[in-house]
Amino acid sequence: MTTVPLLDRLHLQVAFVQEIDKLKRVIRRNTLLDGSRRENDAEHSWQLCMLALVMAEHAPPGIDLERVVAMLLIHDLVEIDAGDTFIYDAEAVLIQAERERQAADRIFGLLPEDQNTKLRALWDEFEDRVTPEAKFAKALDRFAPLLANHHTEGGTWKLYKVTADQVRRNVKIIDAGSPTLGAYARELVELSVQRGHLAEE
């Protein structure tokens, strides 16, 4: 028979799972690779986890891949409250950190205390981008949209008048987590410029 404390714990866990279902409703600026529609945050998180599994050989040696996948699964949960922040929107980026911290407090706070502490620490680790795992996770988070924009002939780059220099600055984050993926990302940027899908200025 389930004891009351265990039942209370289960209720908290179920409440959290119900809440994070809202991630499916958060629409991002980037589209699917075929350009047919914009992706949602849950799809983005799934894609990053798949990238982590497939691209693991391009991660730093000795990396804890399970930790990377866990970070990628939870990294955008805060956008349930804070919304998706477009990385090329300078004004929105200025207030992004505070909005997302408040969201993390509320959303992870729905969990039992031990799980709240564990998942919040993972989210903080991803945001701080100090550990090899966090750097690799962040690299994948930057790599996926770049890939999408390249394969949709400029996608959101063209739509929001993003310049090649702006994209190159984000490639540095990819390079910090995976030099191999960073080099590939730079090639895609230059190819996009050559094809007229990304403006130099």
Protein backbone atom coordinates (compact mmCIF):
# COMPACT_ATOMS: atom_id res chain seq x y z
CA MET A 1 0.00 0.00 0.00
CA THR A 2 1.32 3.47 -0.89
CA THR A 3 2.21 5.55 2.15
CA VAL A 4 1.13 9.19 2.38
CA PRO A 5 4.66 10.65 1.94
CA LEU A 6 5.22 8.54 -1.18
CA LEU A 7 1.84 9.57 -2.54
CA ASP A 8 2.61 13.22 -1.86
CA ARG A 9 5.91 12.83 -3.71
CA LEU A 10 4.17 11.19 -6.66
CA HIS A 11 1.61 14.01 -6.80
CA LEU A 12 4.42 16.57 -7.00
CA GLN A 13 6.13 14.60 -9.77
CA VAL A 14 2.89 14.29 -11.74
CA ALA A 15 2.23 18.02 -11.34
CA PHE A 16 5.69 18.74 -12.76
CA VAL A 17 5.14 16.40 -15.71
CA GLN A 18 1.80 18.06 -16.43
CA GLU A 19 3.39 21.50 -16.30
CA ILE A 20 6.26 20.71 -18.65
CA ASP A 21 3.80 19.47 -21.27
CA LYS A 22 3.37 23.20 -21.97
CA LEU A 23 6.82 23.17 -23.61
CA LYS A 24 5.11 21.76 -26.70
CA ARG A 25 3.24 25.08 -27.03
CA VAL A 26 6.35 27.29 -27.02
CA ILE A 27 7.05 28.15 -30.65
CA ARG A 28 10.58 29.00 -31.71
CA ARG A 29 11.72 31.27 -34.55
CA ASN A 30 13.50 28.49 -36.41
CA THR A 31 11.65 26.20 -38.79
CA LEU A 32 11.89 22.50 -39.42
CA LEU A 33 14.66 21.56 -41.85
CA ASP A 34 12.14 21.34 -44.69
CA GLY A 35 10.95 24.87 -43.90
CA SER A 36 7.31 23.72 -43.64
CA ARG A 37 6.62 25.28 -40.23
CA ARG A 38 8.25 26.66 -37.10
CA GLU A 39 9.42 24.15 -34.53
CA ASN A 40 8.37 24.05 -30.89
CA ASP A 41 10.64 23.82 -27.87
CA ALA A 42 9.89 20.16 -27.19
CA GLU A 43 10.90 19.25 -30.75
CA HIS A 44 14.05 21.33 -30.38
CA SER A 45 15.00 19.58 -27.13
CA TRP A 46 14.41 16.15 -28.69
CA GLN A 47 16.57 17.05 -31.69
CA LEU A 48 19.41 18.20 -29.44
CA CYS A 49 19.32 14.93 -27.49
CA MET A 50 19.54 13.02 -30.76
CA LEU A 51 22.44 15.22 -31.85
CA ALA A 52 24.20 14.45 -28.56
CA LEU A 53 23.89 10.71 -29.18
CA VAL A 54 24.94 10.89 -32.83
CA MET A 55 27.69 13.50 -32.40
CA ALA A 56 29.14 12.09 -29.17
CA GLU A 57 32.44 11.29 -30.89
CA HIS A 58 32.92 15.03 -31.48
CA ALA A 59 32.62 15.82 -27.77
CA PRO A 60 35.63 16.35 -25.49
CA PRO A 61 37.24 13.06 -24.38
CA GLY A 62 35.78 11.48 -21.26
CA ILE A 63 32.56 13.50 -21.37
CA ASP A 64 29.54 12.28 -19.40
CA LEU A 65 27.04 11.91 -22.25
CA GLU A 66 24.15 11.05 -19.94
CA ARG A 67 24.68 14.38 -18.17
CA VAL A 68 24.72 16.20 -21.51
CA VAL A 69 21.42 14.60 -22.54
CA ALA A 70 19.86 15.46 -19.18
CA MET A 71 20.87 19.11 -19.61
CA LEU A 72 19.44 19.21 -23.10
CA LEU A 73 16.15 17.71 -21.94
CA ILE A 74 15.64 20.41 -19.32
CA HIS A 75 17.52 23.43 -20.69
CA ASP A 76 14.48 25.11 -22.25
CA LEU A 77 11.83 24.23 -19.65
CA VAL A 78 12.15 27.79 -18.35
CA GLU A 79 10.71 29.03 -21.64
CA ILE A 80 7.29 27.83 -20.48
CA ASP A 81 7.26 31.06 -18.45
CA ALA A 82 9.96 33.16 -20.08
CA GLY A 83 9.19 32.42 -23.72
CA ASP A 84 11.74 31.73 -26.43
CA THR A 85 14.39 34.45 -26.65
CA PHE A 86 15.73 34.98 -30.15
CA ILE A 87 19.52 35.11 -29.79
CA TYR A 88 19.80 37.95 -32.30
CA ASP A 89 17.31 40.18 -30.44
CA ALA A 90 19.73 42.34 -28.42
CA GLU A 91 17.04 43.93 -26.23
CA ALA A 92 15.39 40.63 -25.31
CA VAL A 93 18.75 39.04 -24.50
CA LEU A 94 19.47 41.79 -21.96
CA ILE A 95 16.61 40.67 -19.70
CA GLN A 96 16.67 36.99 -20.60
CA ALA A 97 18.78 35.75 -17.66
CA GLU A 98 16.58 37.23 -14.93
CA ARG A 99 13.33 36.08 -16.54
CA GLU A 100 14.68 32.57 -16.96
CA ARG A 101 16.02 32.39 -13.40
CA GLN A 102 12.58 33.26 -12.05
CA ALA A 103 11.04 30.63 -14.30
CA ALA A 104 13.56 28.03 -13.10
CA ASP A 105 12.67 28.81 -9.49
CA ARG A 106 8.99 28.18 -10.14
CA ILE A 107 9.12 25.24 -12.54
CA PHE A 108 11.80 23.12 -10.86
CA GLY A 109 10.24 24.13 -7.53
CA LEU A 110 7.21 21.99 -8.40
CA LEU A 111 9.32 18.87 -7.85
CA PRO A 112 10.16 17.14 -4.57
CA GLU A 113 13.08 18.97 -2.97
CA ASP A 114 15.79 16.46 -3.91
CA GLN A 115 14.75 16.42 -7.57
CA ASN A 116 14.35 20.19 -7.60
CA THR A 117 17.94 20.52 -6.35
CA LYS A 118 19.30 18.01 -8.88
CA LEU A 119 17.56 19.38 -11.99
CA ARG A 120 18.11 23.00 -11.03
CA ALA A 121 21.83 22.30 -10.61
CA LEU A 122 21.89 20.78 -14.10
CA TRP A 123 20.11 23.81 -15.53
CA ASP A 124 22.53 26.17 -13.76
CA GLU A 125 25.47 24.13 -15.07
CA PHE A 126 24.16 24.45 -18.63
CA GLU A 127 23.69 28.20 -18.25
CA ASP A 128 27.13 28.75 -16.66
CA ARG A 129 28.84 26.88 -19.51
CA VAL A 130 31.97 25.98 -17.53
CA THR A 131 32.09 22.18 -17.56
CA PRO A 132 32.96 20.21 -20.72
CA GLU A 133 29.45 18.72 -20.62
CA ALA A 134 27.79 22.14 -20.49
CA LYS A 135 30.01 23.50 -23.26
CA PHE A 136 29.16 20.56 -25.50
CA ALA A 137 25.44 20.84 -24.70
CA LYS A 138 25.52 24.57 -25.48
CA ALA A 139 27.43 23.90 -28.69
CA LEU A 140 24.64 21.58 -29.86
CA ASP A 141 22.04 24.17 -28.84
CA ARG A 142 23.74 26.65 -31.20
CA PHE A 143 24.54 24.10 -33.91
CA ALA A 144 20.95 22.95 -34.54
CA PRO A 145 19.53 26.39 -35.47
CA LEU A 146 22.56 27.12 -37.66
CA LEU A 147 21.95 23.85 -39.49
CA ALA A 148 18.26 24.72 -39.90
CA ASN A 149 18.99 28.18 -41.30
CA HIS A 150 21.59 26.81 -43.69
CA HIS A 151 19.18 24.17 -45.03
CA THR A 152 16.30 26.65 -45.43
CA GLU A 153 18.33 29.06 -47.58
CA GLY A 154 18.84 31.57 -44.82
CA GLY A 155 15.60 30.97 -42.91
CA THR A 156 15.43 33.29 -39.91
CA TRP A 157 18.74 34.92 -40.87
CA LYS A 158 17.09 36.46 -43.90
CA LEU A 159 13.78 37.12 -42.17
CA TYR A 160 15.36 39.06 -39.29
CA LYS A 161 18.28 40.53 -41.26
CA VAL A 162 20.94 38.68 -39.27
CA THR A 163 24.49 39.29 -40.48
CA ALA A 164 27.31 36.83 -40.99
CA ASP A 165 29.34 38.47 -38.21
CA GLN A 166 26.49 37.89 -35.76
CA VAL A 167 26.37 34.24 -36.71
CA ARG A 168 30.15 33.91 -36.51
CA ARG A 169 30.04 35.13 -32.90
CA ASN A 170 27.69 32.25 -32.07
CA VAL A 171 29.95 29.81 -33.89
CA LYS A 172 32.58 30.58 -31.23
CA ILE A 173 30.24 28.97 -28.68
CA ILE A 174 30.00 25.87 -30.87
CA ASP A 175 33.78 25.80 -31.23
CA ALA A 176 34.24 26.02 -27.44
CA GLY A 177 32.22 22.83 -26.97
CA SER A 178 33.42 20.93 -30.02
CA PRO A 179 36.19 22.16 -32.33
CA THR A 180 35.05 19.66 -34.98
CA LEU A 181 31.48 20.97 -35.01
CA GLY A 182 32.82 24.52 -34.80
CA ALA A 183 34.89 24.03 -37.94
CA TYR A 184 31.92 22.52 -39.75
CA ALA A 185 29.68 25.40 -38.61
CA ARG A 186 32.17 27.94 -39.97
CA GLU A 187 32.10 26.14 -43.33
CA LEU A 188 28.30 26.34 -43.39
CA VAL A 189 28.38 30.05 -42.58
CA GLU A 190 30.81 30.82 -45.39
CA LEU A 191 28.85 28.64 -47.80
CA SER A 192 25.65 30.48 -46.83
CA VAL A 193 27.37 33.81 -47.49
CA GLN A 194 28.61 32.61 -50.89
CA ARG A 195 25.10 31.49 -51.85
CA GLY A 196 23.57 34.80 -50.79
CA HIS A 197 21.60 33.27 -47.92
CA LEU A 198 23.48 35.23 -45.24
CA ALA A 199 24.48 38.88 -45.61
CA GLU A 200 27.94 40.12 -44.64
CA GLU A 201 26.49 43.42 -43.38
